[in-house]
């Protein structure tokens, strides 16, 4: 069998993604599931009040909130994203992610072909 493309996740098992990352007081916890030149998939658990400050990515990024509520700012526009909802942050546009309350998300970033 070739090296798996996904990591840190069991294969052939029904999973509840929210159980794969745990909240920790005063921290942002992450678990990388895939990372290569084409795509990055990471689970995050944010404690209330934590944030990833404004930055830009060279890939399109999609945040899918799995638990709680996130505040996502894209190009100066603030969006409230709740569990079960997703939002796309376009490549090259400054964005940030804040936790008004505890929340968990899956971040998928798709990078341009080199």
C-alpha atoms as a PDB file:
ATOM      1  CA  UNK A   1       0.000   0.000   0.000  1.00  0.00           C
ATOM      2  CA  UNK A   2       1.275   3.484  -0.892  1.00  0.00           C
ATOM      3  CA  UNK A   3       1.857   6.067   1.800  1.00  0.00           C
ATOM      4  CA  UNK A   4      -1.529   7.464   2.867  1.00  0.00           C
ATOM      5  CA  UNK A   5      -2.410  10.972   1.718  1.00  0.00           C
ATOM      6  CA  UNK A   6      -4.404  11.605   4.889  1.00  0.00           C
ATOM      7  CA  UNK A   7      -2.694  11.401   8.265  1.00  0.00           C
ATOM      8  CA  UNK A   8      -3.566  11.605  11.965  1.00  0.00           C
ATOM      9  CA  UNK A   9      -6.943  10.027  11.250  1.00  0.00           C
ATOM     10  CA  UNK A  10      -8.129   6.407  11.292  1.00  0.00           C
ATOM     11  CA  UNK A  11      -9.124   4.789   7.999  1.00  0.00           C
ATOM     12  CA  UNK A  12     -12.314   2.800   7.359  1.00  0.00           C
ATOM     13  CA  UNK A  13     -13.959   4.050  10.530  1.00  0.00           C
ATOM     14  CA  UNK A  14     -16.997   6.296  10.878  1.00  0.00           C
ATOM     15  CA  UNK A  15     -15.752   9.481  12.542  1.00  0.00           C
ATOM     16  CA  UNK A  16     -17.193  12.452  14.308  1.00  0.00           C
ATOM     17  CA  UNK A  17     -14.707  15.168  13.360  1.00  0.00           C
ATOM     18  CA  UNK A  18     -15.444  17.239  16.462  1.00  0.00           C
ATOM     19  CA  UNK A  19     -14.028  14.434  18.618  1.00  0.00           C
ATOM     20  CA  UNK A  20     -10.627  14.593  16.883  1.00  0.00           C
ATOM     21  CA  UNK A  21      -9.633  17.937  18.465  1.00  0.00           C
ATOM     22  CA  UNK A  22     -10.216  18.996  22.067  1.00  0.00           C
ATOM     23  CA  UNK A  23     -10.731  22.402  23.615  1.00  0.00           C
ATOM     24  CA  UNK A  24      -7.877  23.607  25.837  1.00  0.00           C
ATOM     25  CA  UNK A  25      -8.117  26.697  27.994  1.00  0.00           C
ATOM     26  CA  UNK A  26      -6.444  29.733  26.441  1.00  0.00           C
ATOM     27  CA  UNK A  27      -5.317  27.863  23.320  1.00  0.00           C
ATOM     28  CA  UNK A  28      -5.980  27.024  19.716  1.00  0.00           C
ATOM     29  CA  UNK A  29      -5.505  23.284  19.171  1.00  0.00           C
ATOM     30  CA  UNK A  30      -4.943  21.940  15.655  1.00  0.00           C
ATOM     31  CA  UNK A  31      -4.717  18.542  13.996  1.00  0.00           C
ATOM     32  CA  UNK A  32      -3.409  18.338  10.430  1.00  0.00           C
ATOM     33  CA  UNK A  33      -5.148  15.706   8.303  1.00  0.00           C
ATOM     34  CA  UNK A  34      -3.458  16.471   4.960  1.00  0.00           C
ATOM     35  CA  UNK A  35      -0.650  18.786   3.893  1.00  0.00           C
ATOM     36  CA  UNK A  36       0.940  18.920   0.455  1.00  0.00           C
ATOM     37  CA  UNK A  37       1.531  21.412  -2.351  1.00  0.00           C
ATOM     38  CA  UNK A  38      -2.075  21.045  -3.594  1.00  0.00           C
ATOM     39  CA  UNK A  39      -4.189  21.003  -0.426  1.00  0.00           C
ATOM     40  CA  UNK A  40      -4.143  21.432   3.329  1.00  0.00           C
ATOM     41  CA  UNK A  41      -6.846  20.029   5.643  1.00  0.00           C
ATOM     42  CA  UNK A  42      -6.690  20.921   9.338  1.00  0.00           C
ATOM     43  CA  UNK A  43      -9.093  20.632  12.274  1.00  0.00           C
ATOM     44  CA  UNK A  44      -9.030  23.398  14.894  1.00  0.00           C
ATOM     45  CA  UNK A  45     -10.503  23.888  18.369  1.00  0.00           C
ATOM     46  CA  UNK A  46     -10.486  27.532  19.552  1.00  0.00           C
ATOM     47  CA  UNK A  47     -11.033  28.506  23.169  1.00  0.00           C
ATOM     48  CA  UNK A  48     -13.242  31.575  23.630  1.00  0.00           C
ATOM     49  CA  UNK A  49     -11.329  34.789  22.979  1.00  0.00           C
ATOM     50  CA  UNK A  50      -8.595  33.161  20.854  1.00  0.00           C
ATOM     51  CA  UNK A  51      -7.882  34.258  17.288  1.00  0.00           C
ATOM     52  CA  UNK A  52      -5.743  33.832  14.199  1.00  0.00           C
ATOM     53  CA  UNK A  53      -4.765  37.389  13.321  1.00  0.00           C
ATOM     54  CA  UNK A  54      -5.150  38.999   9.903  1.00  0.00           C
ATOM     55  CA  UNK A  55      -3.112  37.368   7.161  1.00  0.00           C
ATOM     56  CA  UNK A  56      -3.488  36.301   3.516  1.00  0.00           C
ATOM     57  CA  UNK A  57      -3.008  32.913   1.895  1.00  0.00           C
ATOM     58  CA  UNK A  58      -1.965  32.098  -1.661  1.00  0.00           C
ATOM     59  CA  UNK A  59      -4.708  29.454  -1.780  1.00  0.00           C
ATOM     60  CA  UNK A  60      -8.492  29.620  -1.503  1.00  0.00           C
ATOM     61  CA  UNK A  61      -9.490  28.634   2.042  1.00  0.00           C
ATOM     62  CA  UNK A  62     -12.823  27.233   3.218  1.00  0.00           C
ATOM     63  CA  UNK A  63     -13.791  27.284   6.898  1.00  0.00           C
ATOM     64  CA  UNK A  64     -16.496  24.822   7.957  1.00  0.00           C
ATOM     65  CA  UNK A  65     -17.648  25.352  11.539  1.00  0.00           C
ATOM     66  CA  UNK A  66     -18.293  22.025  13.275  1.00  0.00           C
ATOM     67  CA  UNK A  67     -19.243  23.277  16.761  1.00  0.00           C
ATOM     68  CA  UNK A  68     -19.986  26.707  18.224  1.00  0.00           C
ATOM     69  CA  UNK A  69     -19.723  30.044  16.421  1.00  0.00           C
ATOM     70  CA  UNK A  70     -16.802  31.758  14.667  1.00  0.00           C
ATOM     71  CA  UNK A  71     -16.291  35.339  13.606  1.00  0.00           C
ATOM     72  CA  UNK A  72     -14.510  35.445  10.249  1.00  0.00           C
ATOM     73  CA  UNK A  73     -13.306  38.726   8.775  1.00  0.00           C
ATOM     74  CA  UNK A  74     -12.561  38.753   5.048  1.00  0.00           C
ATOM     75  CA  UNK A  75     -11.272  41.930   3.431  1.00  0.00           C
ATOM     76  CA  UNK A  76     -12.705  43.994   6.306  1.00  0.00           C
ATOM     77  CA  UNK A  77     -16.174  42.373   6.175  1.00  0.00           C
ATOM     78  CA  UNK A  78     -17.180  40.523   9.365  1.00  0.00           C
ATOM     79  CA  UNK A  79     -19.169  37.283   9.090  1.00  0.00           C
ATOM     80  CA  UNK A  80     -20.709  35.153  11.824  1.00  0.00           C
ATOM     81  CA  UNK A  81     -20.393  31.464  10.930  1.00  0.00           C
ATOM     82  CA  UNK A  82     -22.263  28.885  13.008  1.00  0.00           C
ATOM     83  CA  UNK A  83     -22.024  25.107  13.357  1.00  0.00           C
ATOM     84  CA  UNK A  84     -23.073  23.506  10.078  1.00  0.00           C
ATOM     85  CA  UNK A  85     -22.112  26.577   8.029  1.00  0.00           C
ATOM     86  CA  UNK A  86     -19.073  27.311   5.843  1.00  0.00           C
ATOM     87  CA  UNK A  87     -17.423  30.349   4.295  1.00  0.00           C
ATOM     88  CA  UNK A  88     -14.711  30.725   1.647  1.00  0.00           C
ATOM     89  CA  UNK A  89     -11.796  33.117   2.061  1.00  0.00           C
ATOM     90  CA  UNK A  90     -10.398  33.892  -1.419  1.00  0.00           C
ATOM     91  CA  UNK A  91      -6.664  33.662  -2.085  1.00  0.00           C
ATOM     92  CA  UNK A  92      -4.784  36.920  -1.579  1.00  0.00           C
ATOM     93  CA  UNK A  93      -7.533  38.603   0.482  1.00  0.00           C
ATOM     94  CA  UNK A  94      -6.580  39.436   4.099  1.00  0.00           C
ATOM     95  CA  UNK A  95      -8.661  37.497   6.621  1.00  0.00           C
ATOM     96  CA  UNK A  96      -8.793  36.580  10.302  1.00  0.00           C
ATOM     97  CA  UNK A  97     -10.686  34.095  12.474  1.00  0.00           C
ATOM     98  CA  UNK A  98     -11.860  34.879  16.014  1.00  0.00           C
ATOM     99  CA  UNK A  99     -13.675  32.912  18.710  1.00  0.00           C
ATOM    100  CA  UNK A 100     -16.446  34.910  20.427  1.00  0.00           C
ATOM    101  CA  UNK A 101     -17.173  31.537  22.074  1.00  0.00           C
ATOM    102  CA  UNK A 102     -15.494  28.127  21.921  1.00  0.00           C
ATOM    103  CA  UNK A 103     -15.726  26.655  18.451  1.00  0.00           C
ATOM    104  CA  UNK A 104     -14.302  23.911  16.250  1.00  0.00           C
ATOM    105  CA  UNK A 105     -13.702  24.128  12.534  1.00  0.00           C
ATOM    106  CA  UNK A 106     -12.238  22.290   9.582  1.00  0.00           C
ATOM    107  CA  UNK A 107     -10.034  24.403   7.329  1.00  0.00           C
ATOM    108  CA  UNK A 108      -9.468  23.281   3.749  1.00  0.00           C
ATOM    109  CA  UNK A 109      -6.987  25.292   1.670  1.00  0.00           C
ATOM    110  CA  UNK A 110      -6.612  24.567  -2.047  1.00  0.00           C
ATOM    111  CA  UNK A 111      -3.425  25.910  -3.588  1.00  0.00           C
ATOM    112  CA  UNK A 112      -2.862  26.922  -7.216  1.00  0.00           C
ATOM    113  CA  UNK A 113      -0.935  24.534  -9.476  1.00  0.00           C
ATOM    114  CA  UNK A 114       2.773  25.331  -9.462  1.00  0.00           C
END
